[in-house]
Protein backbone atom coordinates (compact mmCIF):
# COMPACT_ATOMS: atom_id res chain seq x y z
CA MET A 1 -6.89 3.65 2.32
CA ALA A 2 -6.99 4.75 5.94
CA THR A 3 -4.26 2.22 6.67
CA ILE A 4 -1.99 2.98 3.70
CA ALA A 5 -2.08 6.79 3.77
CA PRO A 6 -0.54 7.17 7.28
CA LEU A 7 2.28 4.78 6.32
CA VAL A 8 3.03 6.74 3.14
CA ALA A 9 2.89 9.99 5.14
CA THR A 10 5.41 8.54 7.61
CA SER A 11 7.73 7.65 4.74
CA ARG A 12 7.32 11.08 3.12
CA HIS A 13 8.18 12.75 6.41
CA ARG A 14 11.13 10.47 7.22
CA LEU A 15 12.57 10.57 3.68
CA GLN A 16 11.77 14.25 3.07
CA GLY A 17 9.55 13.46 0.11
CA ILE A 18 8.97 10.75 -2.45
CA PRO A 19 10.03 11.37 -6.05
CA GLU A 20 7.21 11.20 -8.63
CA ARG A 21 9.06 8.64 -10.74
CA ALA A 22 9.08 6.20 -7.81
CA TRP A 23 5.31 5.77 -8.09
CA PHE A 24 5.69 4.34 -11.60
CA ASP A 25 8.47 1.89 -10.78
CA PRO A 26 7.13 -1.62 -11.61
CA TYR A 27 7.77 -2.90 -8.08
CA MET A 28 6.01 0.10 -6.53
CA VAL A 29 3.05 -0.17 -8.93
CA GLY A 30 2.60 -3.82 -7.97
CA PHE A 31 3.03 -3.17 -4.26
CA MET A 32 0.71 -0.18 -4.04
CA MET A 33 -2.01 -1.47 -6.34
CA MET A 34 -2.13 -4.86 -4.61
CA LEU A 35 -2.15 -3.25 -1.17
CA ILE A 36 -4.94 -0.89 -2.28
CA THR A 37 -6.87 -3.85 -3.70
CA LEU A 38 -6.57 -5.84 -0.48
CA SER A 39 -7.54 -2.83 1.60
CA ALA A 40 -10.54 -2.06 -0.62
CA ARG A 41 -11.74 -5.64 -0.52
CA ARG A 42 -11.56 -5.61 3.27
CA ALA A 43 -13.59 -2.40 3.41
CA VAL A 44 -16.34 -3.20 0.91
CA ASN A 45 -17.58 -6.05 -1.24
CA ILE A 46 -16.47 -5.17 -4.78
CA SER A 47 -17.85 -7.69 -7.23
CA ASP A 48 -16.78 -6.37 -10.62
CA SER A 49 -13.39 -5.45 -12.05
CA GLN A 50 -14.52 -2.09 -13.41
CA THR A 51 -15.54 -0.86 -9.96
CA LEU A 52 -12.34 -2.25 -8.44
CA GLY A 53 -10.29 -0.45 -11.11
CA ALA A 54 -12.01 2.84 -10.31
CA VAL A 55 -11.40 2.36 -6.58
CA GLN A 56 -7.75 1.48 -7.22
CA THR A 57 -7.00 4.50 -9.38
CA GLU A 58 -8.81 6.93 -7.07
CA ALA A 59 -7.05 5.58 -3.98
CA TRP A 60 -3.69 5.59 -5.77
CA SER A 61 -4.27 9.22 -6.75
CA GLU A 62 -5.18 10.22 -3.18
CA ILE A 63 -2.19 8.40 -1.69
CA THR A 64 0.37 9.62 -4.23
CA ASP A 65 -1.03 13.13 -4.79
CA MET A 66 -0.82 12.44 -8.52
CA ARG A 67 -3.41 12.33 -11.30
CA PRO A 68 -4.73 8.80 -11.87
CA THR A 69 -4.74 8.96 -15.67
CA ALA A 70 -2.02 6.43 -16.53
CA ILE A 71 -1.78 4.11 -13.53
CA GLY A 72 -4.57 1.76 -14.63
CA GLU A 73 -2.97 1.11 -18.01
CA GLU A 74 0.46 0.73 -16.45
CA THR A 75 -0.88 -1.80 -13.96
CA LEU A 76 -2.59 -3.84 -16.68
CA HIS A 77 0.53 -3.75 -18.86
CA LEU A 78 2.86 -4.90 -16.08
CA SER A 79 0.44 -7.60 -15.00
CA ALA A 80 -0.07 -8.94 -18.53
CA ALA A 81 3.70 -8.91 -19.13
CA SER A 82 4.31 -10.87 -15.88
CA HIS A 83 6.96 -8.29 -15.01
CA ASN A 84 9.21 -9.74 -12.29
CA ALA A 85 9.50 -6.56 -10.20
CA PHE A 86 5.75 -5.93 -10.48
CA GLU A 87 5.01 -9.47 -9.30
CA ALA A 88 7.51 -9.11 -6.43
CA GLY A 89 5.70 -5.93 -5.36
CA CYS A 90 2.37 -7.76 -5.43
CA MET A 91 3.74 -10.63 -3.34
CA ASN A 92 5.25 -8.23 -0.81
CA ALA A 93 1.93 -6.38 -0.54
CA VAL A 94 0.21 -9.69 0.28
CA ALA A 95 2.89 -10.46 2.88
CA PHE A 96 2.55 -6.99 4.42
CA ASP A 97 -1.24 -7.22 4.46
CA THR A 98 -1.05 -10.61 6.17
CA ALA A 99 1.40 -9.26 8.77
CA LEU A 100 -0.79 -6.22 9.34
CA TYR A 101 -4.08 -8.05 9.68
CA GLY A 102 -2.98 -11.53 10.73
CA THR A 103 -5.25 -13.23 8.22
CA SER A 104 -5.16 -14.83 4.82
CA LEU A 105 -6.46 -13.05 1.73
CA ALA A 106 -9.86 -14.64 2.16
CA GLY A 107 -10.06 -13.91 5.88
CA VAL A 108 -11.69 -11.09 7.74
CA ALA A 109 -9.42 -8.71 9.61
CA VAL A 110 -9.05 -10.08 13.13
CA GLY A 111 -7.66 -7.53 15.53
CA ALA A 112 -6.82 -5.21 12.64
CA SER A 113 -7.97 -2.12 14.49
CA ASP A 114 -5.35 -2.78 17.17
CA VAL A 115 -2.57 -2.84 14.58
CA VAL A 116 -3.92 0.14 12.65
CA ASP A 117 -3.99 2.15 15.88
CA GLN A 118 -0.32 1.32 16.29
CA ILE A 119 0.68 2.94 13.00
CA GLU A 120 -1.46 6.08 13.11
CA LEU A 121 0.38 9.37 13.22
CA ASP A 122 0.10 12.07 15.82
CA ALA A 123 -0.39 15.73 14.84
CA ASN A 124 3.35 16.18 14.18
CA GLY A 125 3.59 13.22 11.79
CA ALA A 126 5.40 11.02 14.31
CA ALA A 127 4.23 7.46 14.75
CA GLN A 128 2.58 6.72 18.06
CA THR A 129 4.36 4.28 20.34
CA MET A 130 2.61 0.92 20.67
CA SER A 131 3.74 -2.66 21.20
CA ASN A 132 3.65 -3.94 17.61
CA ARG A 133 4.37 -0.65 15.82
CA GLU A 134 8.09 -1.29 15.36
CA ARG A 135 7.53 -4.62 13.59
CA ILE A 136 4.96 -3.16 11.20
CA LEU A 137 7.08 -0.09 10.46
CA ALA A 138 10.17 -2.27 9.88
CA LEU A 139 8.19 -4.33 7.36
CA TRP A 140 6.92 -1.15 5.71
CA GLN A 141 10.45 0.18 5.40
CA ASP A 142 11.58 -3.11 3.88
CA TYR A 143 8.66 -3.45 1.46
CA PHE A 144 8.14 0.24 0.63
CA ASP A 145 10.90 2.67 1.64
CA SER A 146 13.79 0.51 0.46
CA HIS A 147 12.32 0.39 -3.05
CA LEU A 148 11.81 4.12 -3.52
CA PHE A 149 15.30 5.10 -4.55
CA VAL A 150 16.45 2.04 -6.47
């Protein structure tokens, strides 16, 4: 979640907040839960779905500053229903993850620390200037920010 939280903080700062209802939009549920899943799987080897579900809801709660009570059920419902916006969010999370880490889903992050350093925030909440930062932030704005107020 160390990668996702600074990006969300940047968006909160730039957009002067994120409305609560945005976190339950089907696209946003798919995007965030898939991105959390990919991030968690990179960090640790999670072998069972129950543990993954617990990690997902806890990370979602920390990132959104909301209680995790309903997000698991909402995710399962949208997934089972093959909701188009939910699936688009999942696909965009995979694309963002691949752009961020430069690997496939099964790969190990190669050079990820270089990219993560490029998106970390300074003490004032402003993104640090690095060579690849603009491309990553532009993708984030396309995949995340642009879907917040739809």
